Amino acid sequence: MDLRPALNYDVLHIVMSLLSKREVFSMMGTCKTLYREGPKFLLHEVTLKDEHDIRFFTQFMAADLYHRIRYLSIFTFECGRLYAEAALLLRGFLESAAPVLRLHHLRLLDPEAMLSSDLGLIQAFSRIVYMVTLTVRMPGRLSFDLLSKMSGFVQIAIVDCKKRGAEPVEDNNPILPLCSLRNTLIEVSAYGVKAHITPGRGADIVFPHVRKLRLQTYSAIDSAEYARAFPNLVSLYFLGRRSAYRGFDEEDREELGVHRERNRTSLRERGGWSTWEHLEGTPIDLWGLGLQGTVEKLTSFMGAIDEDHQAIIAGVFEELMRDIHVKQIHLGIFMSRAVRDALRILSRISRDLEHLDLHVLVDPEEPLADITGMLDTLVEYVGRGSLRSLDVAFSCGDVLVEIDGTGSPDECKCMLHPDSLAVRIQNCAPSLRDISLELWVAEKKVGMFHKGDQIPQYPEGWPW
């Protein structure tokens, strides 16, 4: 009697991939082949939410641990504090599996409560031999203790402190907690951290292979200290507490300017960070870092509600552009007058810019004169500049309306329409071969013009 399944393996895999985990588990009891194939579909992504999940999972794995462990890929822990029995089961599994466990992603979403259930879990988790990505959310003292003891191979670390754990720690920057992984990490993301480093504590910690750093912090940072810790960085995303443009006035600018000068001096004296493939952040945040050097791609967002704040932002943007030499710029800009200011600054400073990407959020109640001035400045800049490619998208959150009695909605839409704008641009810059223009109204694309095929794509992480 032939006990092999009637369907070939390719068809069998397609069928099982369409089933729920409960249905796959039921199929495993029908024959030896399905018993062995089932774990491939059940274990690719596992989420443990409570003690019931832990008991079922550990029992399932114990039936054939060393065969099934190879299929575990994305492992998420959402469970909080555990009773002693469940904590012991989990620790026992980790102690047995850690030496051979190779994960694509380990996610600890409430680690403080879980680790406090059994402190032995810290050592058990720390022995996992390999993972591509490690995410720790709401960390506290126990989570940072776990991170400092990890001895396996981890390429990408994500530490999310936007919601704090039970016991916040003083140095919740990405350098000290991740020091045990410094020789394997290539990318680090830290959100909601203080980022300040107690003098002397991180002096000998270097992450030689980290190429990308994403840092969101509510405190000023010492740029030279981070440049020393991440000497080979090529991509930096930085979002600081100065991003709320409405609350940024001249007094704030002076305060941040003092910090900027301190950073500029320390970077010159101690060296580091002069070339990047990609910088991302608001002009205010990047300006405060005191950076100087060459940037392949700059991604930023700028714009303010009132003219006083817009003048401050424009001034900061101009000083930033004097400090860094940029080849490609990707700007998200709110309101037409901010676009006009940015283009005038670029025309004075960045005369050899190769690519300009603008995503303009147009206020439907903007004066027609502002929109006209923005378009005139754009055409003039393109005609005088050295651009090889241009990518512009106008987004209006609602139907364009008349605001100052000088024009109608149809007249405004006609000016912004890609077809009419493309004619003006090509007349002023006939040698510009790569152009992409779009108009969106109420989240619907109402016009598009495209020419050429050499327009750079949005950088990774571009928000639009």
Protein backbone atom coordinates (compact mmCIF):
# COMPACT_ATOMS: atom_id res chain seq x y z
CA MET A 1 0.00 0.00 0.00
CA ASP A 2 1.43 3.38 -1.03
CA LEU A 3 1.32 5.77 1.95
CA ARG A 4 2.72 8.76 0.06
CA PRO A 5 0.36 11.77 -0.35
CA ALA A 6 -1.66 11.78 -3.58
CA LEU A 7 -0.64 15.38 -4.31
CA ASN A 8 2.92 16.28 -5.25
CA TYR A 9 4.90 18.39 -2.79
CA ASP A 10 4.56 21.68 -4.69
CA VAL A 11 0.76 21.45 -4.73
CA LEU A 12 0.78 20.28 -1.12
CA HIS A 13 2.78 23.33 -0.02
CA ILE A 14 0.42 25.68 -1.87
CA VAL A 15 -2.59 24.09 -0.16
CA MET A 16 -1.01 24.27 3.29
CA SER A 17 0.06 27.88 2.79
CA LEU A 18 -3.61 28.83 2.31
CA LEU A 19 -4.79 27.17 5.50
CA SER A 20 -5.01 28.59 9.01
CA LYS A 21 -2.53 27.38 11.61
CA ARG A 22 -5.29 25.40 13.33
CA GLU A 23 -6.09 23.62 10.03
CA VAL A 24 -2.41 22.87 9.35
CA PHE A 25 -2.08 21.45 12.86
CA SER A 26 -5.07 19.17 12.23
CA MET A 27 -3.59 17.98 8.92
CA MET A 28 -0.38 16.96 10.70
CA GLY A 29 -2.23 14.09 12.33
CA THR A 30 -3.21 12.46 9.02
CA CYS A 31 0.15 11.10 7.82
CA LYS A 32 3.90 11.13 8.49
CA THR A 33 4.64 13.42 5.55
CA LEU A 34 2.26 16.12 6.74
CA TYR A 35 3.49 15.61 10.29
CA ARG A 36 6.97 16.61 9.15
CA GLU A 37 5.91 19.32 6.68
CA GLY A 38 3.46 21.10 8.97
CA PRO A 39 6.04 22.88 11.17
CA LYS A 40 7.35 24.78 8.13
CA PHE A 41 4.05 26.67 8.02
CA LEU A 42 3.30 26.78 11.75
CA LEU A 43 6.68 28.06 12.92
CA HIS A 44 7.66 30.66 10.33
CA GLU A 45 6.06 33.36 12.51
CA VAL A 46 5.21 32.62 16.14
CA THR A 47 3.67 35.07 18.65
CA LEU A 48 3.35 34.15 22.33
CA LYS A 49 0.74 36.36 24.00
CA ASP A 50 0.05 34.56 27.28
CA GLU A 51 0.76 31.51 29.41
CA HIS A 52 -1.59 29.31 27.36
CA ASP A 53 0.44 30.07 24.24
CA ILE A 54 3.68 29.24 26.07
CA ARG A 55 2.40 25.88 27.34
CA PHE A 56 1.07 24.87 23.89
CA PHE A 57 4.20 26.06 22.07
CA THR A 58 6.72 24.38 24.38
CA GLN A 59 4.74 21.13 24.27
CA PHE A 60 4.61 21.25 20.47
CA MET A 61 8.35 21.92 20.18
CA ALA A 62 9.30 19.24 22.71
CA ALA A 63 7.78 16.55 20.46
CA ASP A 64 10.57 17.02 17.88
CA LEU A 65 12.73 19.95 19.02
CA TYR A 66 15.82 19.63 16.83
CA HIS A 67 13.82 19.05 13.65
CA ARG A 68 11.28 21.84 14.26
CA ILE A 69 13.62 24.46 15.62
CA ARG A 70 15.06 25.11 12.15
CA TYR A 71 11.72 26.51 10.95
CA LEU A 72 11.32 29.12 13.69
CA SER A 73 11.97 32.47 11.99
CA ILE A 74 10.02 35.43 13.46
CA PHE A 75 9.61 35.01 17.22
CA THR A 76 7.48 37.59 19.06
CA PHE A 77 6.85 37.84 22.81
CA GLU A 78 3.84 39.94 23.79
CA CYS A 79 3.33 38.24 27.13
CA GLY A 80 3.77 40.21 30.34
CA ARG A 81 4.39 38.82 33.80
CA LEU A 82 4.17 35.01 33.94
CA TYR A 83 3.30 32.50 36.63
CA ALA A 84 6.21 30.36 37.79
CA GLU A 85 5.16 27.29 35.77
CA ALA A 86 4.97 29.12 32.43
CA ALA A 87 8.21 31.01 33.11
CA LEU A 88 9.96 27.72 33.87
CA LEU A 89 8.65 26.13 30.67
CA LEU A 90 9.85 29.07 28.61
CA ARG A 91 13.25 29.13 30.27
CA GLY A 92 13.66 25.41 29.72
CA PHE A 93 12.84 25.73 26.04
CA LEU A 94 15.27 28.63 25.56
CA GLU A 95 18.09 26.86 27.37
CA SER A 96 17.66 23.83 25.10
CA ALA A 97 17.08 25.73 21.86
CA ALA A 98 19.37 28.77 22.18
CA PRO A 99 22.58 27.05 21.03
CA VAL A 100 20.98 26.10 17.68
CA LEU A 101 18.31 28.80 17.33
CA ARG A 102 18.75 30.97 14.21
CA LEU A 103 16.07 33.65 13.96
CA HIS A 104 15.23 36.23 11.35
CA HIS A 105 13.63 38.48 13.97
CA LEU A 106 13.27 38.33 17.76
CA ARG A 107 10.72 40.83 19.12
CA LEU A 108 10.40 41.50 22.87
CA LEU A 109 7.41 43.83 23.23
CA ASP A 110 6.95 43.88 27.04
CA PRO A 111 10.25 42.50 28.30
CA GLU A 112 10.37 44.10 31.77
CA ALA A 113 7.29 42.27 33.06
CA MET A 114 8.26 38.99 31.40
CA LEU A 115 11.87 39.02 32.62
CA SER A 116 10.82 39.91 36.17
CA SER A 117 8.86 36.64 36.28
CA ASP A 118 12.09 34.64 36.26
CA LEU A 119 15.48 36.36 36.21
CA GLY A 120 16.89 33.20 34.65
CA LEU A 121 15.16 34.25 31.43
CA ILE A 122 17.77 36.99 31.02
CA GLN A 123 20.57 34.46 30.72
CA ALA A 124 18.42 32.13 28.59
CA PHE A 125 17.57 34.82 26.02
CA SER A 126 21.14 36.11 25.96
CA ARG A 127 22.43 32.74 24.71
CA ILE A 128 20.45 32.72 21.45
CA VAL A 129 23.18 32.10 18.93
CA TYR A 130 21.95 34.01 15.88
CA MET A 131 19.34 36.54 14.78
CA VAL A 132 19.19 39.03 11.94
CA THR A 133 17.06 41.59 13.82
CA LEU A 134 16.42 42.18 17.51
CA THR A 135 13.62 44.51 18.65
CA VAL A 136 13.19 45.52 22.28
CA ARG A 137 10.21 47.71 23.13
CA MET A 138 9.51 49.53 26.43
CA PRO A 139 12.87 48.55 27.92
CA GLY A 140 13.99 49.17 31.48
CA ARG A 141 16.75 47.97 33.77
CA LEU A 142 16.19 44.23 33.15
CA SER A 143 15.97 44.65 29.37
CA PHE A 144 19.20 46.64 29.26
CA ASP A 145 20.83 43.98 31.45
CA LEU A 146 19.75 41.38 28.87
CA LEU A 147 21.14 43.44 25.99
CA SER A 148 24.48 43.90 27.72
CA LYS A 149 24.84 40.12 28.16
CA MET A 150 23.89 38.98 24.66
CA SER A 151 26.70 36.98 23.13
CA GLY A 152 25.17 35.81 19.83
CA PHE A 153 25.29 37.22 16.32
CA VAL A 154 22.88 40.14 15.76
CA GLN A 155 22.95 42.35 12.66
CA ILE A 156 20.17 44.87 13.32
CA ALA A 157 19.11 46.19 16.74
CA ILE A 158 15.98 48.27 17.39
CA VAL A 159 15.52 49.77 20.84
CA ASP A 160 12.18 51.54 21.29
CA CYS A 161 12.00 53.65 24.46
CA LYS A 162 9.04 55.80 23.42
CA LYS A 163 7.04 53.95 26.08
CA ARG A 164 9.29 53.43 29.05
CA GLY A 165 9.60 50.20 30.98
CA ALA A 166 9.04 49.72 34.67
CA GLU A 167 12.46 50.97 35.72
CA PRO A 168 13.95 53.58 33.32
CA VAL A 169 17.74 53.72 33.36
CA GLU A 170 19.94 56.79 33.29
CA ASP A 171 22.01 55.93 30.22
CA ASN A 172 19.29 54.71 27.85
CA ASN A 173 21.35 55.57 24.77
CA PRO A 174 22.08 52.92 22.12
CA ILE A 175 25.83 52.73 22.81
CA LEU A 176 26.08 51.27 26.31
CA PRO A 177 23.28 48.65 26.20
CA LEU A 178 24.41 47.26 22.83
CA CYS A 179 28.12 47.12 23.61
CA SER A 180 28.21 43.30 23.70
CA LEU A 181 26.95 43.23 20.09
CA ARG A 182 29.33 45.87 18.76
CA ASN A 183 31.30 43.46 16.56
CA THR A 184 28.28 42.08 14.67
CA LEU A 185 25.83 44.98 14.33
CA ILE A 186 25.50 46.73 10.97
CA GLU A 187 22.38 48.82 11.72
CA VAL A 188 21.07 50.44 14.92
CA SER A 189 17.75 52.18 15.56
CA ALA A 190 16.94 53.86 18.87
CA TYR A 191 13.67 55.68 19.45
CA GLY A 192 12.69 57.88 22.39
CA VAL A 193 16.11 57.62 24.04
CA LYS A 194 17.84 60.25 26.13
CA ALA A 195 20.97 59.68 24.03
CA HIS A 196 23.18 61.48 26.56
CA ILE A 197 26.28 59.51 27.54
CA THR A 198 27.76 59.88 31.01
CA PRO A 199 31.33 61.14 30.47
CA GLY A 200 33.83 58.29 30.46
CA ARG A 201 31.32 55.42 30.37
CA GLY A 202 31.40 54.81 26.61
CA ALA A 203 34.96 55.86 25.86
CA ASP A 204 36.15 52.41 24.69
CA ILE A 205 33.00 51.23 22.89
CA VAL A 206 33.20 51.23 19.09
CA PHE A 207 30.76 49.72 16.58
CA PRO A 208 33.08 49.21 13.60
CA HIS A 209 30.51 47.69 11.20
CA VAL A 210 27.45 49.87 11.80
CA ARG A 211 26.55 51.68 8.57
CA LYS A 212 23.07 52.98 9.44
CA LEU A 213 21.96 54.80 12.61
CA ARG A 214 18.42 55.98 13.28
CA LEU A 215 18.22 58.10 16.41
CA GLN A 216 15.14 59.74 17.90
CA THR A 217 15.92 61.57 21.11
CA TYR A 218 14.52 64.20 23.44
CA SER A 219 17.89 65.52 24.52
CA ALA A 220 20.90 67.15 22.88
CA ILE A 221 23.69 64.79 21.85
CA ASP A 222 27.44 65.06 21.64
CA SER A 223 28.04 64.52 17.91
CA ALA A 224 31.72 63.74 18.36
CA GLU A 225 30.92 61.02 20.92
CA TYR A 226 28.58 59.31 18.48
CA ALA A 227 31.05 59.79 15.62
CA ARG A 228 33.68 58.03 17.74
CA ALA A 229 31.32 55.14 18.57
CA PHE A 230 30.08 54.78 14.96
CA PRO A 231 33.13 55.72 12.88
CA ASN A 232 32.03 54.05 9.62
CA LEU A 233 28.49 55.43 9.49
CA VAL A 234 27.17 56.25 6.01
CA SER A 235 23.46 56.75 6.75
CA LEU A 236 22.11 58.86 9.62
CA TYR A 237 18.48 59.54 10.50
CA PHE A 238 18.16 62.02 13.36
CA LEU A 239 14.97 63.37 14.93
CA GLY A 240 15.30 65.53 18.03
CA ARG A 241 13.12 67.54 20.33
CA ARG A 242 13.45 70.64 18.11
CA SER A 243 11.10 69.30 15.46
CA ALA A 244 7.97 71.09 16.65
CA TYR A 245 8.34 74.16 14.45
CA ARG A 246 5.56 76.15 16.06
CA GLY A 247 7.47 76.22 19.34
CA PHE A 248 10.87 77.14 17.91
CA ASP A 249 11.64 80.84 18.36
CA GLU A 250 14.75 83.03 18.37
CA GLU A 251 15.56 82.15 21.96
CA ASP A 252 15.44 78.44 21.12
CA ARG A 253 17.63 79.05 18.08
CA GLU A 254 20.24 80.81 20.18
CA GLU A 255 20.22 77.99 22.74
CA LEU A 256 20.58 75.31 20.07
CA GLY A 257 23.18 77.45 18.29
CA VAL A 258 25.44 77.26 21.35
CA HIS A 259 25.15 73.48 21.31
CA ARG A 260 25.79 73.44 17.55
CA GLU A 261 29.02 75.41 17.92
CA ARG A 262 30.14 73.04 20.65
CA ASN A 263 29.49 70.09 18.35
CA ARG A 264 31.31 71.74 15.43
CA THR A 265 34.35 72.40 17.60
CA SER A 266 34.47 68.89 19.06
CA LEU A 267 34.06 67.28 15.62
CA ARG A 268 36.94 69.35 14.25
CA GLU A 269 39.17 68.57 17.21
CA ARG A 270 38.34 64.87 17.57
CA GLY A 271 37.56 64.06 13.92
CA GLY A 272 34.95 61.82 12.36
CA TRP A 273 31.83 62.00 10.20
CA SER A 274 32.67 63.96 7.07
CA THR A 275 31.03 61.84 4.34
CA TRP A 276 27.55 60.28 4.22
CA GLU A 277 25.51 58.43 1.66
CA HIS A 278 22.25 59.58 3.27
CA LEU A 279 21.25 62.14 5.91
CA GLU A 280 17.67 62.42 7.09
CA GLY A 281 16.08 64.80 9.57
CA THR A 282 14.54 68.23 9.90
CA PRO A 283 16.80 71.21 9.12
CA ILE A 284 16.70 72.27 12.77
CA ASP A 285 17.74 68.86 14.09
CA LEU A 286 20.53 68.34 11.57
CA TRP A 287 21.76 71.93 12.04
CA GLY A 288 22.13 71.31 15.78
CA LEU A 289 24.48 68.38 15.15
CA GLY A 290 27.11 70.73 13.75
CA LEU A 291 27.92 68.47 10.80
CA GLN A 292 30.27 69.44 7.98
CA GLY A 293 31.10 67.39 4.90
CA THR A 294 29.70 65.76 1.76
CA VAL A 295 26.28 64.12 1.49
CA GLU A 296 25.07 61.99 -1.42
CA LYS A 297 21.37 62.26 -0.45
CA LEU A 298 19.62 64.59 1.98
CA THR A 299 16.04 63.88 3.07
CA SER A 300 14.27 66.54 5.10
CA PHE A 301 10.97 68.19 5.93
CA MET A 302 10.45 71.89 6.46
CA GLY A 303 7.70 74.46 6.70
CA ALA A 304 5.87 76.48 9.35
CA ILE A 305 2.45 77.97 9.88
CA ASP A 306 3.46 81.59 10.47
CA GLU A 307 6.04 83.79 8.74
CA ASP A 308 8.19 84.46 11.83
CA HIS A 309 8.89 80.77 12.38
CA GLN A 310 9.35 80.20 8.65
CA ALA A 311 12.05 82.88 8.61
CA ILE A 312 13.89 81.10 11.43
CA ILE A 313 13.66 77.74 9.69
CA ALA A 314 14.83 79.20 6.39
CA GLY A 315 17.84 80.74 8.13
CA VAL A 316 18.72 77.43 9.76
CA PHE A 317 18.33 75.60 6.44
CA GLU A 318 20.67 78.06 4.73
CA GLU A 319 23.38 77.59 7.37
CA LEU A 320 22.97 73.80 7.14
CA MET A 321 23.38 73.89 3.36
CA ARG A 322 26.54 75.98 3.70
CA ASP A 323 28.03 73.30 5.97
CA ILE A 324 27.26 70.25 3.82
CA HIS A 325 27.78 69.67 0.11
CA VAL A 326 24.76 67.75 -1.24
CA LYS A 327 24.28 65.98 -4.57
CA GLN A 328 20.63 64.93 -4.20
CA ILE A 329 17.93 66.55 -2.09
CA HIS A 330 14.54 65.07 -1.18
CA LEU A 331 12.41 67.72 0.55
CA GLY A 332 8.92 67.46 1.97
CA ILE A 333 7.73 71.06 2.32
CA PHE A 334 4.58 72.53 3.82
CA MET A 335 3.17 75.63 2.10
CA SER A 336 4.32 77.43 -1.02
CA ARG A 337 6.31 80.21 0.63
CA ALA A 338 8.55 77.63 2.30
CA VAL A 339 9.26 76.12 -1.15
CA ARG A 340 10.13 79.55 -2.49
CA ASP A 341 12.53 80.20 0.43
CA ALA A 342 14.21 76.78 0.01
CA LEU A 343 14.70 77.25 -3.73
CA ARG A 344 16.21 80.70 -3.28
CA ILE A 345 18.63 79.28 -0.73
CA LEU A 346 19.62 76.42 -3.05
CA SER A 347 20.16 78.86 -5.92
CA ARG A 348 22.64 80.80 -3.79
CA ILE A 349 24.48 77.84 -2.28
CA SER A 350 23.89 74.49 -4.02
CA ARG A 351 24.64 75.46 -7.59
CA ASP A 352 25.89 71.98 -8.55
CA LEU A 353 22.95 69.99 -7.19
CA GLU A 354 22.27 66.99 -9.44
CA HIS A 355 18.78 65.91 -8.36
CA LEU A 356 15.92 67.79 -6.69
CA ASP A 357 12.89 65.98 -5.29
CA LEU A 358 10.08 68.13 -3.86
CA HIS A 359 6.90 66.89 -2.22
CA VAL A 360 4.87 70.03 -1.60
CA LEU A 361 1.88 70.04 0.74
CA VAL A 362 -0.22 72.92 -0.58
CA ASP A 363 -2.66 74.55 1.81
CA PRO A 364 -5.94 74.88 -0.14
CA GLU A 365 -6.39 78.35 1.40
CA GLU A 366 -2.98 79.72 0.41
CA PRO A 367 -2.99 83.07 -1.40
CA LEU A 368 -2.69 82.63 -5.13
CA ALA A 369 0.27 85.02 -5.12
CA ASP A 370 2.23 82.56 -2.93
CA ILE A 371 1.56 79.68 -5.32
CA THR A 372 2.48 81.82 -8.32
CA GLY A 373 5.69 82.97 -6.63
CA MET A 374 6.62 79.38 -5.79
CA LEU A 375 6.17 78.22 -9.39
CA ASP A 376 8.09 81.18 -10.80
CA THR A 377 10.97 80.49 -8.40
CA LEU A 378 10.98 76.79 -9.29
CA VAL A 379 11.14 77.48 -13.03
CA GLU A 380 13.85 80.08 -12.52
CA TYR A 381 15.95 77.73 -10.36
CA VAL A 382 15.67 74.85 -12.81
CA GLY A 383 16.68 77.16 -15.66
CA ARG A 384 19.79 78.42 -13.86
CA GLY A 385 20.83 75.29 -11.97
CA SER A 386 22.83 72.19 -12.89
CA LEU A 387 20.07 69.64 -12.30
CA ARG A 388 20.17 66.34 -14.13
CA SER A 389 16.75 65.26 -12.86
CA LEU A 390 13.69 66.84 -11.24
CA ASP A 391 10.85 65.14 -9.34
CA VAL A 392 8.00 67.31 -8.01
CA ALA A 393 4.66 66.30 -6.49
CA PHE A 394 2.02 68.77 -5.30
CA SER A 395 -0.48 67.45 -2.74
CA CYS A 396 -3.60 69.38 -1.77
CA GLY A 397 -5.49 67.95 1.16
CA ASP A 398 -8.80 69.24 -0.14
CA VAL A 399 -10.32 70.89 -3.20
CA LEU A 400 -8.48 74.09 -4.02
CA VAL A 401 -10.47 77.13 -3.01
CA GLU A 402 -10.28 80.85 -3.67
CA ILE A 403 -8.71 82.76 -0.79
CA ASP A 404 -7.82 86.31 -1.71
CA GLY A 405 -10.11 87.15 -4.58
CA THR A 406 -7.28 87.17 -7.11
CA GLY A 407 -7.93 83.82 -8.73
CA SER A 408 -10.28 80.88 -8.99
CA PRO A 409 -9.73 77.22 -7.96
CA ASP A 410 -9.60 76.18 -11.63
CA GLU A 411 -6.97 78.83 -12.32
CA CYS A 412 -4.84 77.60 -9.41
CA LYS A 413 -5.20 73.97 -10.46
CA CYS A 414 -4.23 74.89 -14.02
CA MET A 415 -0.99 76.50 -12.80
CA LEU A 416 -0.09 73.44 -10.71
CA HIS A 417 -1.06 70.93 -13.38
CA PRO A 418 1.99 68.97 -14.61
CA ASP A 419 1.29 69.60 -18.29
CA SER A 420 1.39 73.39 -18.02
CA LEU A 421 4.31 73.36 -15.56
CA ALA A 422 6.28 70.97 -17.80
CA VAL A 423 6.02 73.41 -20.72
CA ARG A 424 7.48 76.22 -18.61
CA ILE A 425 10.29 74.04 -17.26
CA GLN A 426 11.30 72.65 -20.66
CA ASN A 427 11.35 76.13 -22.16
CA CYS A 428 13.78 77.31 -19.47
CA ALA A 429 15.81 74.08 -19.22
CA PRO A 430 15.65 72.22 -22.56
CA SER A 431 18.64 70.04 -21.60
CA LEU A 432 16.87 68.62 -18.52
CA ARG A 433 16.05 65.12 -19.72
CA ASP A 434 14.57 63.47 -16.62
CA ILE A 435 11.42 65.09 -15.24
CA SER A 436 8.55 63.75 -13.12
CA LEU A 437 5.63 66.01 -12.14
CA GLU A 438 2.45 65.02 -10.28
CA LEU A 439 -0.61 66.79 -8.88
CA TRP A 440 -2.71 65.19 -6.14
CA VAL A 441 -6.01 66.65 -4.90
CA ALA A 442 -7.91 65.06 -2.03
CA GLU A 443 -5.56 62.02 -2.23
CA LYS A 444 -6.34 61.43 -5.91
CA LYS A 445 -3.82 61.87 -8.70
CA VAL A 446 -5.33 64.35 -11.14
CA GLY A 447 -2.32 64.96 -13.37
CA MET A 448 1.08 63.50 -14.25
CA PHE A 449 3.98 64.29 -16.58
CA HIS A 450 6.94 61.95 -16.95
CA LYS A 451 10.04 62.21 -19.12
CA GLY A 452 13.20 60.10 -18.97
CA ASP A 453 14.10 57.05 -16.91
CA GLN A 454 17.01 58.18 -14.74
CA ILE A 455 15.12 59.74 -11.82
CA PRO A 456 16.49 58.49 -8.46
CA GLN A 457 14.08 56.60 -6.24
CA TYR A 458 13.06 57.85 -2.82
CA PRO A 459 15.68 57.03 -0.18
CA GLU A 460 14.89 54.27 2.26
CA GLY A 461 12.71 55.63 5.02
CA TRP A 462 11.32 58.49 2.90
CA PRO A 463 7.96 59.16 4.59
CA TRP A 464 5.74 60.09 1.66
